[in-house]
C-alpha atoms as a PDB file:
ATOM      1  CA  MET A   1     136.159 113.358 253.032  1.00  0.00           C
ATOM      2  CA  ALA A   2     133.974 116.955 253.264  1.00  0.00           C
ATOM      3  CA  THR A   3     132.962 118.056 249.420  1.00  0.00           C
ATOM      4  CA  PRO A   4     134.185 121.504 248.008  1.00  0.00           C
ATOM      5  CA  ASN A   5     130.082 122.602 249.001  1.00  0.00           C
ATOM      6  CA  GLY A   6     130.651 121.515 252.666  1.00  0.00           C
ATOM      7  CA  THR A   7     129.224 118.545 253.231  1.00  0.00           C
ATOM      8  CA  LEU A   8     130.274 114.687 254.413  1.00  0.00           C
ATOM      9  CA  VAL A   9     128.688 112.461 251.947  1.00  0.00           C
ATOM     10  CA  HIS A  10     129.710 110.112 253.975  1.00  0.00           C
ATOM     11  CA  ALA A  11     129.948 110.837 258.033  1.00  0.00           C
ATOM     12  CA  ALA A  12     132.887 108.924 260.019  1.00  0.00           C
ATOM     13  CA  TYR A  13     131.392 109.070 263.885  1.00  0.00           C
ATOM     14  CA  PHE A  14     128.573 110.442 265.374  1.00  0.00           C
ATOM     15  CA  LEU A  15     128.734 112.176 268.722  1.00  0.00           C
ATOM     16  CA  LEU A  16     126.029 110.786 271.209  1.00  0.00           C
ATOM     17  CA  VAL A  17     124.984 113.476 273.048  1.00  0.00           C
ATOM     18  CA  GLY A  18     122.811 111.481 276.038  1.00  0.00           C
ATOM     19  CA  ILE A  19     120.611 113.508 277.872  1.00  0.00           C
ATOM     20  CA  PRO A  20     120.674 117.163 277.088  1.00  0.00           C
ATOM     21  CA  GLY A  21     120.791 120.051 279.402  1.00  0.00           C
ATOM     22  CA  LEU A  22     123.070 117.285 281.764  1.00  0.00           C
ATOM     23  CA  GLY A  23     126.611 118.056 282.347  1.00  0.00           C
ATOM     24  CA  PRO A  24     129.390 115.190 282.665  1.00  0.00           C
ATOM     25  CA  SER A  25     128.872 114.557 286.133  1.00  0.00           C
ATOM     26  CA  ILE A  26     125.642 114.036 286.351  1.00  0.00           C
ATOM     27  CA  HIS A  27     125.731 111.620 283.410  1.00  0.00           C
ATOM     28  CA  PHE A  28     129.010 109.494 285.401  1.00  0.00           C
ATOM     29  CA  TRP A  29     126.557 109.286 287.701  1.00  0.00           C
ATOM     30  CA  LEU A  30     123.210 108.343 285.409  1.00  0.00           C
ATOM     31  CA  ALA A  31     125.299 105.323 284.301  1.00  0.00           C
ATOM     32  CA  PHE A  32     125.197 103.140 287.815  1.00  0.00           C
ATOM     33  CA  PRO A  33     121.682 102.576 287.840  1.00  0.00           C
ATOM     34  CA  LEU A  34     121.734 101.981 284.005  1.00  0.00           C
ATOM     35  CA  CYS A  35     124.149  99.038 284.819  1.00  0.00           C
ATOM     36  CA  PHE A  36     121.981  97.797 287.576  1.00  0.00           C
ATOM     37  CA  MET A  37     119.152  98.428 284.998  1.00  0.00           C
ATOM     38  CA  TYR A  38     121.340  95.988 282.788  1.00  0.00           C
ATOM     39  CA  SER A  39     122.122  93.259 285.245  1.00  0.00           C
ATOM     40  CA  LEU A  40     118.513  93.399 286.477  1.00  0.00           C
ATOM     41  CA  ALA A  41     116.957  92.929 282.825  1.00  0.00           C
ATOM     42  CA  SER A  42     119.693  89.872 281.859  1.00  0.00           C
ATOM     43  CA  LEU A  43     119.636  87.896 284.876  1.00  0.00           C
ATOM     44  CA  GLY A  44     115.990  88.183 284.513  1.00  0.00           C
ATOM     45  CA  ASN A  45     115.110  87.604 280.955  1.00  0.00           C
ATOM     46  CA  LEU A  46     118.104  84.895 281.347  1.00  0.00           C
ATOM     47  CA  ALA A  47     115.990  83.613 284.515  1.00  0.00           C
ATOM     48  CA  LEU A  48     112.431  83.547 282.180  1.00  0.00           C
ATOM     49  CA  PHE A  49     114.429  81.697 279.375  1.00  0.00           C
ATOM     50  CA  LEU A  50     116.220  79.093 281.328  1.00  0.00           C
ATOM     51  CA  ILE A  51     113.346  78.200 283.082  1.00  0.00           C
ATOM     52  CA  ILE A  52     110.914  78.068 280.133  1.00  0.00           C
ATOM     53  CA  ARG A  53     113.271  75.927 278.695  1.00  0.00           C
ATOM     54  CA  LEU A  54     113.913  73.513 281.242  1.00  0.00           C
ATOM     55  CA  GLU A  55     110.917  72.765 282.540  1.00  0.00           C
ATOM     56  CA  ARG A  56     108.440  70.357 280.314  1.00  0.00           C
ATOM     57  CA  ARG A  57     105.335  71.854 282.022  1.00  0.00           C
ATOM     58  CA  LEU A  58     106.019  74.932 280.432  1.00  0.00           C
ATOM     59  CA  HIS A  59     106.081  74.162 277.310  1.00  0.00           C
ATOM     60  CA  GLU A  60     102.654  74.909 276.057  1.00  0.00           C
ATOM     61  CA  PRO A  61     102.279  78.379 273.668  1.00  0.00           C
ATOM     62  CA  MET A  62     102.061  80.976 276.422  1.00  0.00           C
ATOM     63  CA  TYR A  63     105.316  79.922 278.259  1.00  0.00           C
ATOM     64  CA  LEU A  64     106.737  79.637 274.200  1.00  0.00           C
ATOM     65  CA  PHE A  65     106.290  82.962 273.321  1.00  0.00           C
ATOM     66  CA  LEU A  66     107.348  84.420 276.736  1.00  0.00           C
ATOM     67  CA  ALA A  67     110.360  82.732 276.159  1.00  0.00           C
ATOM     68  CA  MET A  68     110.467  84.154 272.601  1.00  0.00           C
ATOM     69  CA  LEU A  69     110.050  87.669 274.513  1.00  0.00           C
ATOM     70  CA  SER A  70     112.787  87.291 277.220  1.00  0.00           C
ATOM     71  CA  THR A  71     115.285  86.382 274.494  1.00  0.00           C
ATOM     72  CA  ILE A  72     114.371  89.555 272.232  1.00  0.00           C
ATOM     73  CA  ASP A  73     114.338  91.322 275.323  1.00  0.00           C
ATOM     74  CA  LEU A  74     117.995  89.847 276.145  1.00  0.00           C
ATOM     75  CA  VAL A  75     119.598  91.222 273.274  1.00  0.00           C
ATOM     76  CA  LEU A  76     118.008  94.149 273.022  1.00  0.00           C
ATOM     77  CA  SER A  77     119.020  95.223 276.440  1.00  0.00           C
ATOM     78  CA  SER A  78     122.575  94.397 275.236  1.00  0.00           C
ATOM     79  CA  VAL A  79     122.926  96.145 272.024  1.00  0.00           C
ATOM     80  CA  THR A  80     121.855  99.111 273.842  1.00  0.00           C
ATOM     81  CA  MET A  81     122.571  99.588 277.573  1.00  0.00           C
ATOM     82  CA  PRO A  82     126.868  98.628 277.830  1.00  0.00           C
ATOM     83  CA  ARG A  83     126.940 101.360 275.096  1.00  0.00           C
ATOM     84  CA  MET A  84     124.935 103.481 276.499  1.00  0.00           C
ATOM     85  CA  ALA A  85     126.788 103.337 279.751  1.00  0.00           C
ATOM     86  CA  SER A  86     129.814 103.589 278.302  1.00  0.00           C
ATOM     87  CA  LEU A  87     128.717 106.877 276.519  1.00  0.00           C
ATOM     88  CA  PHE A  88     127.657 108.534 280.323  1.00  0.00           C
ATOM     89  CA  LEU A  89     131.007 107.819 281.974  1.00  0.00           C
ATOM     90  CA  ILE A  90     133.006 108.579 279.083  1.00  0.00           C
ATOM     91  CA  ASP A  91     132.052 110.968 275.977  1.00  0.00           C
ATOM     92  CA  ILE A  92     132.320 108.421 273.159  1.00  0.00           C
ATOM     93  CA  GLN A  93     132.726 108.492 269.357  1.00  0.00           C
ATOM     94  CA  MET A  94     129.762 105.833 268.027  1.00  0.00           C
ATOM     95  CA  GLU A  95     131.323 104.887 264.095  1.00  0.00           C
ATOM     96  CA  PHE A  96     129.099 105.484 261.152  1.00  0.00           C
ATOM     97  CA  ASN A  97     128.566 101.407 260.706  1.00  0.00           C
ATOM     98  CA  VAL A  98     128.501 100.871 264.145  1.00  0.00           C
ATOM     99  CA  CYS A  99     125.541 103.334 264.806  1.00  0.00           C
ATOM    100  CA  LEU A 100     123.736 102.101 261.390  1.00  0.00           C
ATOM    101  CA  ALA A 101     123.911  98.578 262.795  1.00  0.00           C
ATOM    102  CA  GLN A 102     123.082  99.731 266.368  1.00  0.00           C
ATOM    103  CA  MET A 103     119.738 101.537 264.722  1.00  0.00           C
ATOM    104  CA  PHE A 104     118.973  97.952 262.656  1.00  0.00           C
ATOM    105  CA  LEU A 105     119.061  96.092 265.668  1.00  0.00           C
ATOM    106  CA  ILE A 106     117.007  97.904 267.676  1.00  0.00           C
ATOM    107  CA  HIS A 107     114.197  98.667 265.360  1.00  0.00           C
ATOM    108  CA  ALA A 108     114.436  94.700 264.055  1.00  0.00           C
ATOM    109  CA  LEU A 109     114.346  93.479 267.673  1.00  0.00           C
ATOM    110  CA  SER A 110     111.417  95.954 268.497  1.00  0.00           C
ATOM    111  CA  ALA A 111     109.328  94.804 265.538  1.00  0.00           C
ATOM    112  CA  MET A 112     109.881  91.035 266.536  1.00  0.00           C
ATOM    113  CA  GLU A 113     109.014  92.316 269.670  1.00  0.00           C
ATOM    114  CA  SER A 114     105.874  94.009 268.733  1.00  0.00           C
ATOM    115  CA  ALA A 115     105.076  90.862 266.503  1.00  0.00           C
ATOM    116  CA  VAL A 116     105.508  88.166 269.706  1.00  0.00           C
ATOM    117  CA  LEU A 117     103.250  90.472 271.565  1.00  0.00           C
ATOM    118  CA  LEU A 118     100.512  90.265 269.189  1.00  0.00           C
ATOM    119  CA  ALA A 119     101.096  86.330 269.157  1.00  0.00           C
ATOM    120  CA  MET A 120     100.426  86.498 272.828  1.00  0.00           C
ATOM    121  CA  ALA A 121      97.361  88.166 272.940  1.00  0.00           C
ATOM    122  CA  PHE A 122      96.235  85.704 270.283  1.00  0.00           C
ATOM    123  CA  ASP A 123      96.933  82.805 272.491  1.00  0.00           C
ATOM    124  CA  HIS A 124      95.011  84.688 275.167  1.00  0.00           C
ATOM    125  CA  PHE A 125      91.781  85.229 273.272  1.00  0.00           C
ATOM    126  CA  VAL A 126      91.568  81.237 272.060  1.00  0.00           C
ATOM    127  CA  ALA A 127      92.720  80.593 275.366  1.00  0.00           C
ATOM    128  CA  ILE A 128      89.512  82.836 276.992  1.00  0.00           C
ATOM    129  CA  CYS A 129      87.054  82.564 273.990  1.00  0.00           C
ATOM    130  CA  HIS A 130      87.494  79.433 272.137  1.00  0.00           C
ATOM    131  CA  PRO A 131      89.089  77.126 274.948  1.00  0.00           C
ATOM    132  CA  LEU A 132      88.150  73.819 273.189  1.00  0.00           C
ATOM    133  CA  ARG A 133      89.659  74.982 269.957  1.00  0.00           C
ATOM    134  CA  HIS A 134      92.914  76.201 271.538  1.00  0.00           C
ATOM    135  CA  ALA A 135      95.087  72.745 271.712  1.00  0.00           C
ATOM    136  CA  SER A 136      94.502  72.418 267.943  1.00  0.00           C
ATOM    137  CA  VAL A 137      94.689  76.175 267.009  1.00  0.00           C
ATOM    138  CA  LEU A 138      98.400  76.935 268.744  1.00  0.00           C
ATOM    139  CA  THR A 139     100.126  73.811 268.201  1.00  0.00           C
ATOM    140  CA  GLY A 140     104.286  73.339 268.913  1.00  0.00           C
ATOM    141  CA  PRO A 141     104.492  73.732 265.079  1.00  0.00           C
ATOM    142  CA  THR A 142     102.566  77.027 264.734  1.00  0.00           C
ATOM    143  CA  VAL A 143     104.181  78.370 267.188  1.00  0.00           C
ATOM    144  CA  ALA A 144     107.521  77.641 265.554  1.00  0.00           C
ATOM    145  CA  LYS A 145     106.658  79.256 262.478  1.00  0.00           C
ATOM    146  CA  THR A 146     104.882  82.442 264.209  1.00  0.00           C
ATOM    147  CA  GLY A 147     108.233  83.025 265.709  1.00  0.00           C
ATOM    148  CA  LEU A 148     110.359  82.708 262.233  1.00  0.00           C
ATOM    149  CA  ALA A 149     107.784  85.230 260.998  1.00  0.00           C
ATOM    150  CA  ALA A 150     108.417  87.293 263.861  1.00  0.00           C
ATOM    151  CA  LEU A 151     112.084  86.781 263.124  1.00  0.00           C
ATOM    152  CA  THR A 152     111.660  87.270 259.025  1.00  0.00           C
ATOM    153  CA  ARG A 153     109.787  90.692 259.079  1.00  0.00           C
ATOM    154  CA  GLY A 154     111.797  91.930 261.792  1.00  0.00           C
ATOM    155  CA  PHE A 155     114.608  91.480 259.356  1.00  0.00           C
ATOM    156  CA  VAL A 156     112.842  92.162 256.146  1.00  0.00           C
ATOM    157  CA  PHE A 157     110.936  95.284 256.751  1.00  0.00           C
ATOM    158  CA  PHE A 158     114.161  97.494 258.568  1.00  0.00           C
ATOM    159  CA  PHE A 159     117.251  95.850 256.736  1.00  0.00           C
ATOM    160  CA  PRO A 160     116.857  98.349 254.181  1.00  0.00           C
ATOM    161  CA  LEU A 161     117.043 101.622 256.469  1.00  0.00           C
ATOM    162  CA  PRO A 162     121.071 101.284 257.049  1.00  0.00           C
ATOM    163  CA  PHE A 163     121.343 101.434 253.412  1.00  0.00           C
ATOM    164  CA  ILE A 164     119.126 104.190 252.635  1.00  0.00           C
ATOM    165  CA  LEU A 165     120.397 106.660 255.481  1.00  0.00           C
ATOM    166  CA  LYS A 166     123.987 105.653 253.784  1.00  0.00           C
ATOM    167  CA  GLN A 167     123.337 107.233 250.511  1.00  0.00           C
ATOM    168  CA  LEU A 168     122.378 110.135 251.981  1.00  0.00           C
ATOM    169  CA  SER A 169     125.114 113.462 252.139  1.00  0.00           C
ATOM    170  CA  TYR A 170     125.462 114.559 255.665  1.00  0.00           C
ATOM    171  CA  CYS A 171     126.544 118.323 256.848  1.00  0.00           C
ATOM    172  CA  ARG A 172     129.659 119.401 259.139  1.00  0.00           C
ATOM    173  CA  THR A 173     127.678 118.822 262.411  1.00  0.00           C
ATOM    174  CA  HIS A 174     127.787 115.170 263.499  1.00  0.00           C
ATOM    175  CA  THR A 175     125.648 115.483 267.067  1.00  0.00           C
ATOM    176  CA  VAL A 176     123.048 112.888 267.739  1.00  0.00           C
ATOM    177  CA  THR A 177     121.022 114.707 270.476  1.00  0.00           C
ATOM    178  CA  TYR A 178     120.488 110.565 272.336  1.00  0.00           C
ATOM    179  CA  SER A 179     121.843 107.808 273.950  1.00  0.00           C
ATOM    180  CA  PHE A 180     121.692 105.412 270.763  1.00  0.00           C
ATOM    181  CA  CYS A 181     121.268 105.795 267.049  1.00  0.00           C
ATOM    182  CA  LEU A 182     118.036 107.405 265.797  1.00  0.00           C
ATOM    183  CA  PRO A 183     117.008 107.365 262.029  1.00  0.00           C
ATOM    184  CA  GLN A 184     114.674 110.364 263.183  1.00  0.00           C
ATOM    185  CA  ASP A 185     118.148 112.214 264.406  1.00  0.00           C
ATOM    186  CA  ILE A 186     120.326 111.227 262.363  1.00  0.00           C
ATOM    187  CA  MET A 187     118.484 112.230 259.033  1.00  0.00           C
ATOM    188  CA  LYS A 188     117.837 115.949 260.642  1.00  0.00           C
ATOM    189  CA  LEU A 189     121.921 116.169 259.705  1.00  0.00           C
ATOM    190  CA  SER A 190     121.853 115.065 256.571  1.00  0.00           C
ATOM    191  CA  CYS A 191     122.083 118.293 254.086  1.00  0.00           C
ATOM    192  CA  THR A 192     120.028 116.562 251.147  1.00  0.00           C
ATOM    193  CA  ASP A 193     116.400 115.615 250.840  1.00  0.00           C
ATOM    194  CA  THR A 194     114.900 112.859 253.058  1.00  0.00           C
ATOM    195  CA  THR A 195     111.417 112.900 252.177  1.00  0.00           C
ATOM    196  CA  VAL A 196     111.589 109.133 250.629  1.00  0.00           C
ATOM    197  CA  ASN A 197     113.368 108.316 253.908  1.00  0.00           C
ATOM    198  CA  VAL A 198     110.464 109.758 255.814  1.00  0.00           C
ATOM    199  CA  VAL A 199     107.825 108.330 253.483  1.00  0.00           C
ATOM    200  CA  TYR A 200     109.591 104.873 254.071  1.00  0.00           C
ATOM    201  CA  GLY A 201     110.436 104.838 258.296  1.00  0.00           C
ATOM    202  CA  LEU A 202     106.411 106.429 258.499  1.00  0.00           C
ATOM    203  CA  PHE A 203     104.988 103.305 256.117  1.00  0.00           C
ATOM    204  CA  ILE A 204     107.217 100.546 257.909  1.00  0.00           C
ATOM    205  CA  ILE A 205     106.222 101.988 261.720  1.00  0.00           C
ATOM    206  CA  LEU A 206     102.490 101.967 260.555  1.00  0.00           C
ATOM    207  CA  SER A 207     102.445  99.011 259.325  1.00  0.00           C
ATOM    208  CA  VAL A 208     104.319  96.972 262.145  1.00  0.00           C
ATOM    209  CA  MET A 209     104.119  98.615 264.937  1.00  0.00           C
ATOM    210  CA  GLY A 210     100.892 100.054 264.434  1.00  0.00           C
ATOM    211  CA  VAL A 211      98.777  97.019 262.745  1.00  0.00           C
ATOM    212  CA  ASP A 212      99.975  94.747 265.814  1.00  0.00           C
ATOM    213  CA  SER A 213      98.387  97.582 268.586  1.00  0.00           C
ATOM    214  CA  LEU A 214      95.665  97.876 266.536  1.00  0.00           C
ATOM    215  CA  PHE A 215      95.268  93.837 266.537  1.00  0.00           C
ATOM    216  CA  SER A 216      96.329  93.608 270.203  1.00  0.00           C
ATOM    217  CA  GLY A 217      93.472  95.748 270.937  1.00  0.00           C
ATOM    218  CA  PHE A 218      90.978  94.527 269.248  1.00  0.00           C
ATOM    219  CA  SER A 219      91.933  91.047 270.482  1.00  0.00           C
ATOM    220  CA  TYR A 220      91.407  92.761 274.348  1.00  0.00           C
ATOM    221  CA  ILE A 221      88.366  94.444 273.076  1.00  0.00           C
ATOM    222  CA  LEU A 222      87.030  90.711 272.117  1.00  0.00           C
ATOM    223  CA  ILE A 223      88.075  89.299 275.268  1.00  0.00           C
ATOM    224  CA  LEU A 224      86.633  91.810 277.397  1.00  0.00           C
ATOM    225  CA  TRP A 225      83.521  91.138 275.747  1.00  0.00           C
ATOM    226  CA  SER A 226      83.451  87.500 276.411  1.00  0.00           C
ATOM    227  CA  VAL A 227      84.664  87.897 279.949  1.00  0.00           C
ATOM    228  CA  LEU A 228      81.644  90.189 280.719  1.00  0.00           C
ATOM    229  CA  ALA A 229      79.442  88.240 278.987  1.00  0.00           C
ATOM    230  CA  ARG A 230      79.619  85.453 281.770  1.00  0.00           C
ATOM    231  CA  SER A 231      77.567  85.049 284.762  1.00  0.00           C
ATOM    232  CA  SER A 232      80.770  83.589 286.891  1.00  0.00           C
ATOM    233  CA  GLU A 233      82.628  86.324 289.039  1.00  0.00           C
ATOM    234  CA  ALA A 234      85.346  83.167 289.373  1.00  0.00           C
ATOM    235  CA  ALA A 235      86.055  82.561 285.728  1.00  0.00           C
ATOM    236  CA  THR A 236      85.930  86.732 285.154  1.00  0.00           C
ATOM    237  CA  PHE A 237      88.506  86.846 287.677  1.00  0.00           C
ATOM    238  CA  LYS A 238      90.369  83.385 286.546  1.00  0.00           C
ATOM    239  CA  ALA A 239      90.235  85.497 283.240  1.00  0.00           C
ATOM    240  CA  PHE A 240      91.870  89.193 284.072  1.00  0.00           C
ATOM    241  CA  ASN A 241      94.548  87.350 286.828  1.00  0.00           C
ATOM    242  CA  THR A 242      95.391  85.420 283.023  1.00  0.00           C
ATOM    243  CA  CYS A 243      95.926  88.480 281.098  1.00  0.00           C
ATOM    244  CA  ILE A 244      97.022  91.198 283.766  1.00  0.00           C
ATOM    245  CA  SER A 245     100.956  90.032 283.186  1.00  0.00           C
ATOM    246  CA  HIS A 246     100.459  90.493 279.040  1.00  0.00           C
ATOM    247  CA  LEU A 247      98.462  93.804 279.250  1.00  0.00           C
ATOM    248  CA  CYS A 248     100.994  95.595 281.422  1.00  0.00           C
ATOM    249  CA  ALA A 249     104.215  94.308 278.677  1.00  0.00           C
ATOM    250  CA  VAL A 250     101.720  95.959 275.957  1.00  0.00           C
ATOM    251  CA  LEU A 251     101.052  99.399 277.859  1.00  0.00           C
ATOM    252  CA  VAL A 252     104.979  99.195 278.367  1.00  0.00           C
ATOM    253  CA  PHE A 253     105.941  98.501 274.989  1.00  0.00           C
ATOM    254  CA  TYR A 254     103.347 100.367 273.040  1.00  0.00           C
ATOM    255  CA  VAL A 255     102.327 103.474 275.440  1.00  0.00           C
ATOM    256  CA  PRO A 256     106.072 105.154 275.458  1.00  0.00           C
ATOM    257  CA  LEU A 257     106.163 104.391 271.427  1.00  0.00           C
ATOM    258  CA  ILE A 258     102.843 106.045 271.054  1.00  0.00           C
ATOM    259  CA  VAL A 259     103.987 109.248 273.607  1.00  0.00           C
ATOM    260  CA  LEU A 260     107.428 109.348 271.562  1.00  0.00           C
ATOM    261  CA  SER A 261     105.767 109.127 268.124  1.00  0.00           C
ATOM    262  CA  VAL A 262     103.218 112.308 269.243  1.00  0.00           C
ATOM    263  CA  VAL A 263     106.407 114.177 270.879  1.00  0.00           C
ATOM    264  CA  HIS A 264     108.383 114.196 268.140  1.00  0.00           C
ATOM    265  CA  ARG A 265     105.783 115.583 266.084  1.00  0.00           C
ATOM    266  CA  LEU A 266     105.509 118.504 268.353  1.00  0.00           C
ATOM    267  CA  GLY A 267     108.995 118.908 268.200  1.00  0.00           C
ATOM    268  CA  GLY A 268     110.730 122.330 269.551  1.00  0.00           C
ATOM    269  CA  LEU A 269     110.685 122.842 273.263  1.00  0.00           C
ATOM    270  CA  THR A 270     109.891 119.484 273.685  1.00  0.00           C
ATOM    271  CA  SER A 271     113.093 118.171 272.586  1.00  0.00           C
ATOM    272  CA  LEU A 272     113.897 116.871 276.161  1.00  0.00           C
ATOM    273  CA  LEU A 273     110.955 115.019 276.613  1.00  0.00           C
ATOM    274  CA  HIS A 274     111.300 113.463 273.444  1.00  0.00           C
ATOM    275  CA  VAL A 275     115.230 111.756 274.219  1.00  0.00           C
ATOM    276  CA  VAL A 276     113.726 110.760 278.014  1.00  0.00           C
ATOM    277  CA  MET A 277     110.776 108.820 276.161  1.00  0.00           C
ATOM    278  CA  ALA A 278     112.580 107.305 273.501  1.00  0.00           C
ATOM    279  CA  ASN A 279     115.118 106.337 276.426  1.00  0.00           C
ATOM    280  CA  VAL A 280     111.812 105.274 278.455  1.00  0.00           C
ATOM    281  CA  TYR A 281     110.681 103.272 275.485  1.00  0.00           C
ATOM    282  CA  LEU A 282     114.406 101.543 274.861  1.00  0.00           C
ATOM    283  CA  LEU A 283     115.263 100.481 278.758  1.00  0.00           C
ATOM    284  CA  LEU A 284     112.062  99.833 280.355  1.00  0.00           C
ATOM    285  CA  PRO A 285     110.522  96.945 278.828  1.00  0.00           C
ATOM    286  CA  PRO A 286     113.586  94.598 278.980  1.00  0.00           C
ATOM    287  CA  VAL A 287     113.493  95.304 283.082  1.00  0.00           C
ATOM    288  CA  VAL A 288     110.187  95.177 283.724  1.00  0.00           C
ATOM    289  CA  ASN A 289     109.217  92.560 281.932  1.00  0.00           C
ATOM    290  CA  PRO A 290     110.433  89.953 283.943  1.00  0.00           C
ATOM    291  CA  ILE A 291     109.331  91.619 286.997  1.00  0.00           C
ATOM    292  CA  VAL A 292     105.518  91.576 285.963  1.00  0.00           C
ATOM    293  CA  TYR A 293     105.717  87.713 284.504  1.00  0.00           C
ATOM    294  CA  GLY A 294     107.561  86.755 287.448  1.00  0.00           C
ATOM    295  CA  ALA A 295     105.527  88.120 289.704  1.00  0.00           C
ATOM    296  CA  LYS A 296     102.200  87.621 288.543  1.00  0.00           C
ATOM    297  CA  THR A 297     102.592  84.101 286.576  1.00  0.00           C
ATOM    298  CA  LYS A 298     101.763  81.516 289.019  1.00  0.00           C
ATOM    299  CA  GLU A 299     104.098  78.484 287.301  1.00  0.00           C
ATOM    300  CA  ILE A 300     107.178  80.844 287.012  1.00  0.00           C
ATOM    301  CA  HIS A 301     106.997  82.589 290.237  1.00  0.00           C
ATOM    302  CA  LEU A 302     106.540  78.958 292.047  1.00  0.00           C
ATOM    303  CA  ARG A 303     110.052  77.844 289.988  1.00  0.00           C
ATOM    304  CA  VAL A 304     111.455  80.735 291.325  1.00  0.00           C
ATOM    305  CA  CYS A 305     110.306  80.444 294.966  1.00  0.00           C
ATOM    306  CA  HIS A 306     111.482  76.591 294.598  1.00  0.00           C
ATOM    307  CA  MET A 307     115.255  77.566 293.171  1.00  0.00           C
ATOM    308  CA  PHE A 308     115.454  79.866 295.974  1.00  0.00           C
ATOM    309  CA  SER A 309     114.242  77.665 298.725  1.00  0.00           C
ATOM    310  CA  GLN A 310     116.678  74.880 297.310  1.00  0.00           C
ATOM    311  CA  ASP A 311     119.567  77.416 297.464  1.00  0.00           C
ATOM    312  CA  GLY A 312     118.570  78.576 301.393  1.00  0.00           C
ATOM    313  CA  ARG A 313     118.955  74.688 302.346  1.00  0.00           C
END
């Protein structure tokens, strides 16, 4: 409903642009590789989860954390990719409440993934730097409590965000220049002061992703220090080979997030780059993680090869 001063107290819907500057025909063809990416992410993450769930030998902290990561990526890709493909195939309008729900799920799931990546970094740190204490430190109940803490933190920190955005008044323009709902873009459409929203958003990003990335980096500094201090080249190679999959997952998750934050602060001519980096940040981890872990984790790689060899008989 419009007010006399030309604002909308509650926007009825948002029109998602997708990728600015690309016509409908290009968007149409982009939907097909996006569907392929969604299939790859769904099958890969589901396969990882089932392999870890069914194989008792893999019921160890590293693999249990990996199962959590696969579950998060599976849900995250299901929340975003199908609707994004629909946007590319046909211009769609997203209802205001649906947009807020998608935004909450994206941020909450990203916070959970960040927490799980931190837990995996700690697991590698204990396994490499204090191997004799690994079994006593990372027990089954500890892993379960860590997963519950990641779930609770992601929910609690981002639960107020949709309600805060719902209190804003929005101008007649309701065009979102992304393929999904992003708080920064929605706040630009508001006709009221968004200082509180900006401060709150910055606080939760720094206190969640910022703290997690710092502690993950610190863990790898300690791991590197410990590995370089060893005289055995075989032990050094084994330690690096153990960490490489997780290090790739950390870089795929945090590098686009950091670039996205920097580009957002620059604004202006970098708007297209901002949209592209936002899509990379959202789409890449669910697709890359199962490929990296499937290829570099020996136990999972052997299990997948065994499954295909049985199917081929």
